[in-house]
Amino acid sequence: HHALAFVLAVALVPLASAGVVDKAQHAAAQQSWSAWGGDIGVRWNRDLLNNIGVVAKPVEQTTQHDLRRHEWFALRQSGGLQFNVRNGSLEGFTGGSLQMRGGYVLTLRDGTSIDLRNLTLRVRAADPKILDVVSGDGNVWFYSDRLMFELANNNHTLAVRAADVRVTQALADRIGVPESVGWEVADMA
């Protein structure tokens, strides 16, 4: 119905300050894991954003680039996501959050802005398969509900290859485009 989604890709890589821990130590059925650190890449569907009156300008991005045109930012080492894995598949998040260094300032058609610098990806309490995109003022402007991931590097890395980023009711109300609720406007890796 509308243009492609915003792709947000999160790569949590095994660095001295990043990683994934198998807390269950070989539990057969279900395992509890944690992931922290790494980088997050964001690719906006800028044409669709412009159509709904939003311009996303990156602030403090890293110099990394990939073929899919993500803009990359470091993740803070504090915090992390906890999640359950069963038979090598992520069942759902059980808690936690990740915070990005840098980010975006969104300029809206009415001249106001939304500051998404240092945004937080937080597990939604009502649905453990959704990550809310939370601005510094505590508002949830976007959410991610379809993560394509793999446990990589001998199960030491949670690599999110793609995750849709969608418009929340709060953002649709703020920009005056009620039909945009749920639209995919970006993706992450």
Protein backbone atom coordinates (compact mmCIF):
# COMPACT_ATOMS: atom_id res chain seq x y z
CA HIS A 1 0.00 0.00 0.00
CA HIS A 2 2.87 2.36 0.81
CA ALA A 3 6.61 2.43 0.25
CA LEU A 4 9.02 0.03 1.89
CA ALA A 5 9.53 0.03 5.62
CA PHE A 6 12.20 1.65 7.69
CA VAL A 7 14.85 -0.96 8.33
CA LEU A 8 16.55 -0.97 11.65
CA ALA A 9 19.29 -3.47 12.05
CA VAL A 10 20.99 -4.17 15.31
CA ALA A 11 24.24 -6.07 15.34
CA LEU A 12 25.34 -6.98 18.82
CA VAL A 13 28.87 -8.13 18.19
CA PRO A 14 31.35 -9.93 20.43
CA LEU A 15 33.71 -7.19 21.51
CA ALA A 16 35.43 -6.71 24.83
CA SER A 17 32.43 -4.64 25.82
CA ALA A 18 29.63 -6.45 23.98
CA GLY A 19 28.24 -9.93 24.08
CA VAL A 20 25.62 -12.54 24.70
CA VAL A 21 25.57 -14.78 27.76
CA ASP A 22 23.82 -18.15 28.01
CA LYS A 23 22.56 -17.91 31.60
CA ALA A 24 20.99 -21.36 31.51
CA GLN A 25 24.31 -23.12 30.81
CA HIS A 26 23.02 -25.73 28.37
CA ALA A 27 19.41 -25.97 29.57
CA ALA A 28 17.70 -28.38 27.21
CA ALA A 29 14.30 -26.82 26.55
CA GLN A 30 14.54 -23.11 27.17
CA GLN A 31 17.50 -20.83 27.79
CA SER A 32 17.67 -17.33 29.25
CA TRP A 33 20.14 -15.06 27.48
CA SER A 34 21.37 -11.47 27.75
CA ALA A 35 22.78 -9.20 25.05
CA TRP A 36 24.50 -5.83 25.36
CA GLY A 37 26.77 -3.46 23.45
CA GLY A 38 27.50 -3.41 19.75
CA ASP A 39 26.11 -1.13 17.06
CA ILE A 40 22.71 -0.26 15.64
CA GLY A 41 22.06 0.64 12.01
CA VAL A 42 19.00 2.59 10.90
CA ARG A 43 17.65 3.00 7.38
CA TRP A 44 14.72 5.36 7.01
CA ASN A 45 12.23 5.30 4.16
CA ARG A 46 12.78 9.04 3.69
CA ASP A 47 10.23 9.36 0.86
CA LEU A 48 7.47 7.94 3.05
CA LEU A 49 8.57 10.09 6.00
CA ASN A 50 8.47 13.20 3.80
CA ASN A 51 4.96 12.27 2.64
CA ILE A 52 3.75 12.32 6.26
CA GLY A 53 5.64 15.51 7.08
CA VAL A 54 8.71 14.16 8.90
CA VAL A 55 12.40 14.74 8.14
CA ALA A 56 14.99 12.62 10.01
CA LYS A 57 18.46 14.15 10.39
CA PRO A 58 21.23 12.01 11.90
CA VAL A 59 23.33 13.41 14.76
CA GLU A 60 26.65 11.88 15.87
CA GLN A 61 26.51 8.82 13.61
CA THR A 62 29.49 6.57 13.14
CA THR A 63 31.40 6.39 9.89
CA GLN A 64 30.40 2.78 9.21
CA HIS A 65 28.26 2.14 6.18
CA ASP A 66 26.87 -0.99 4.59
CA LEU A 67 25.43 -1.90 1.23
CA ARG A 68 21.88 -1.52 2.51
CA ARG A 69 22.53 2.16 3.39
CA HIS A 70 22.09 2.01 7.15
CA GLU A 71 23.38 4.87 9.30
CA TRP A 72 25.27 3.26 12.20
CA PHE A 73 25.46 4.30 15.85
CA ALA A 74 27.15 2.72 18.86
CA LEU A 75 25.09 1.23 21.68
CA ARG A 76 25.92 2.16 25.27
CA GLN A 77 27.45 -0.59 27.40
CA SER A 78 25.06 0.00 30.29
CA GLY A 79 21.88 -1.99 30.12
CA GLY A 80 21.02 -4.92 27.92
CA LEU A 81 18.19 -7.09 26.67
CA GLN A 82 17.17 -10.33 28.31
CA PHE A 83 15.42 -12.92 26.18
CA ASN A 84 14.43 -16.58 26.06
CA VAL A 85 15.73 -18.96 23.41
CA ARG A 86 14.23 -22.36 22.66
CA ASN A 87 15.82 -24.67 20.10
CA GLY A 88 17.90 -21.80 18.70
CA SER A 89 14.92 -19.50 18.21
CA LEU A 90 14.15 -16.30 20.13
CA GLU A 91 10.82 -16.80 21.88
CA GLY A 92 10.51 -13.32 23.30
CA PHE A 93 12.20 -10.67 25.36
CA THR A 94 11.88 -10.88 29.12
CA GLY A 95 13.11 -7.40 29.97
CA GLY A 96 15.78 -4.79 29.62
CA SER A 97 16.71 -2.03 27.22
CA LEU A 98 19.49 -0.77 24.96
CA GLN A 99 20.45 2.87 24.50
CA MET A 100 21.91 4.34 21.35
CA ARG A 101 24.71 6.94 21.30
CA GLY A 102 23.73 9.77 19.01
CA GLY A 103 20.67 9.33 16.85
CA TYR A 104 18.23 11.61 15.08
CA VAL A 105 16.28 14.80 15.38
CA LEU A 106 12.96 14.60 13.56
CA THR A 107 11.64 17.86 12.11
CA LEU A 108 7.87 17.88 11.71
CA ARG A 109 5.74 19.72 9.17
CA ASP A 110 4.49 22.17 11.84
CA GLY A 111 8.09 23.27 12.59
CA THR A 112 8.39 21.38 15.88
CA SER A 113 10.86 18.56 16.42
CA ILE A 114 11.25 15.23 18.20
CA ASP A 115 14.66 14.50 19.69
CA LEU A 116 15.62 10.86 19.16
CA ARG A 117 19.25 11.32 20.18
CA ASN A 118 20.24 8.64 22.67
CA LEU A 119 16.95 6.82 22.08
CA THR A 120 16.23 3.65 24.03
CA LEU A 121 14.97 0.34 22.68
CA ARG A 122 12.83 -1.03 25.51
CA VAL A 123 10.93 -4.30 25.79
CA ARG A 124 7.19 -3.62 25.75
CA ALA A 125 5.68 -4.91 29.00
CA ALA A 126 2.41 -5.98 27.34
CA ASP A 127 4.09 -7.84 24.45
CA PRO A 128 7.53 -9.47 24.81
CA LYS A 129 8.06 -9.60 21.04
CA ILE A 130 7.94 -5.81 20.61
CA LEU A 131 10.68 -3.28 21.26
CA ASP A 132 9.49 0.29 21.80
CA VAL A 133 11.62 3.17 20.47
CA VAL A 134 11.62 5.66 23.35
CA SER A 135 12.86 9.25 23.15
CA GLY A 136 14.69 10.97 26.00
CA ASP A 137 11.43 12.53 27.21
CA GLY A 138 9.88 9.06 27.67
CA ASN A 139 7.55 9.11 24.66
CA VAL A 140 7.21 6.04 22.44
CA TRP A 141 7.18 7.33 18.85
CA PHE A 142 8.01 4.08 17.05
CA TYR A 143 8.10 0.36 17.75
CA SER A 144 9.73 -2.70 16.22
CA ASP A 145 7.71 -5.87 16.02
CA ARG A 146 9.32 -8.20 13.47
CA LEU A 147 12.93 -9.00 14.24
CA MET A 148 14.87 -11.29 11.93
CA PHE A 149 17.86 -12.48 13.91
CA GLU A 150 20.38 -15.22 14.38
CA LEU A 151 22.57 -16.38 17.21
CA ALA A 152 25.95 -16.00 15.50
CA ASN A 153 29.64 -16.44 16.32
CA ASN A 154 29.17 -19.72 18.20
CA ASN A 155 26.19 -18.26 20.11
CA HIS A 156 28.19 -15.26 21.36
CA THR A 157 26.37 -12.68 19.23
CA LEU A 158 22.71 -11.78 18.85
CA ALA A 159 22.70 -10.46 15.28
CA VAL A 160 19.46 -8.75 14.29
CA ARG A 161 19.60 -8.71 10.50
CA ALA A 162 16.43 -6.66 10.03
CA ALA A 163 13.64 -5.31 12.20
CA ASP A 164 10.70 -3.23 11.00
CA VAL A 165 10.20 0.15 12.65
CA ARG A 166 6.58 1.32 12.73
CA VAL A 167 4.66 4.49 13.62
CA THR A 168 2.86 4.55 16.99
CA GLN A 169 -0.50 6.15 17.72
CA ALA A 170 1.33 8.93 19.59
CA LEU A 171 3.38 9.91 16.51
CA ALA A 172 0.37 9.63 14.17
CA ASP A 173 -1.54 11.99 16.48
CA ARG A 174 1.39 14.40 16.74
CA ILE A 175 1.84 14.69 12.96
CA GLY A 176 -1.90 14.69 12.22
CA VAL A 177 -1.84 11.60 9.98
CA PRO A 178 -4.03 9.06 11.82
CA GLU A 179 -3.86 6.46 9.04
CA SER A 180 -0.09 6.17 9.50
CA VAL A 181 -0.39 4.06 12.68
CA GLY A 182 1.54 0.85 12.10
CA TRP A 183 3.21 2.02 8.88
CA GLU A 184 6.74 0.73 8.40
CA VAL A 185 8.90 3.82 8.01
CA ALA A 186 12.34 2.37 8.70
CA ASP A 187 14.30 -0.74 9.47
CA MET A 188 17.12 -1.46 11.87
CA ALA A 189 19.99 -3.90 11.96
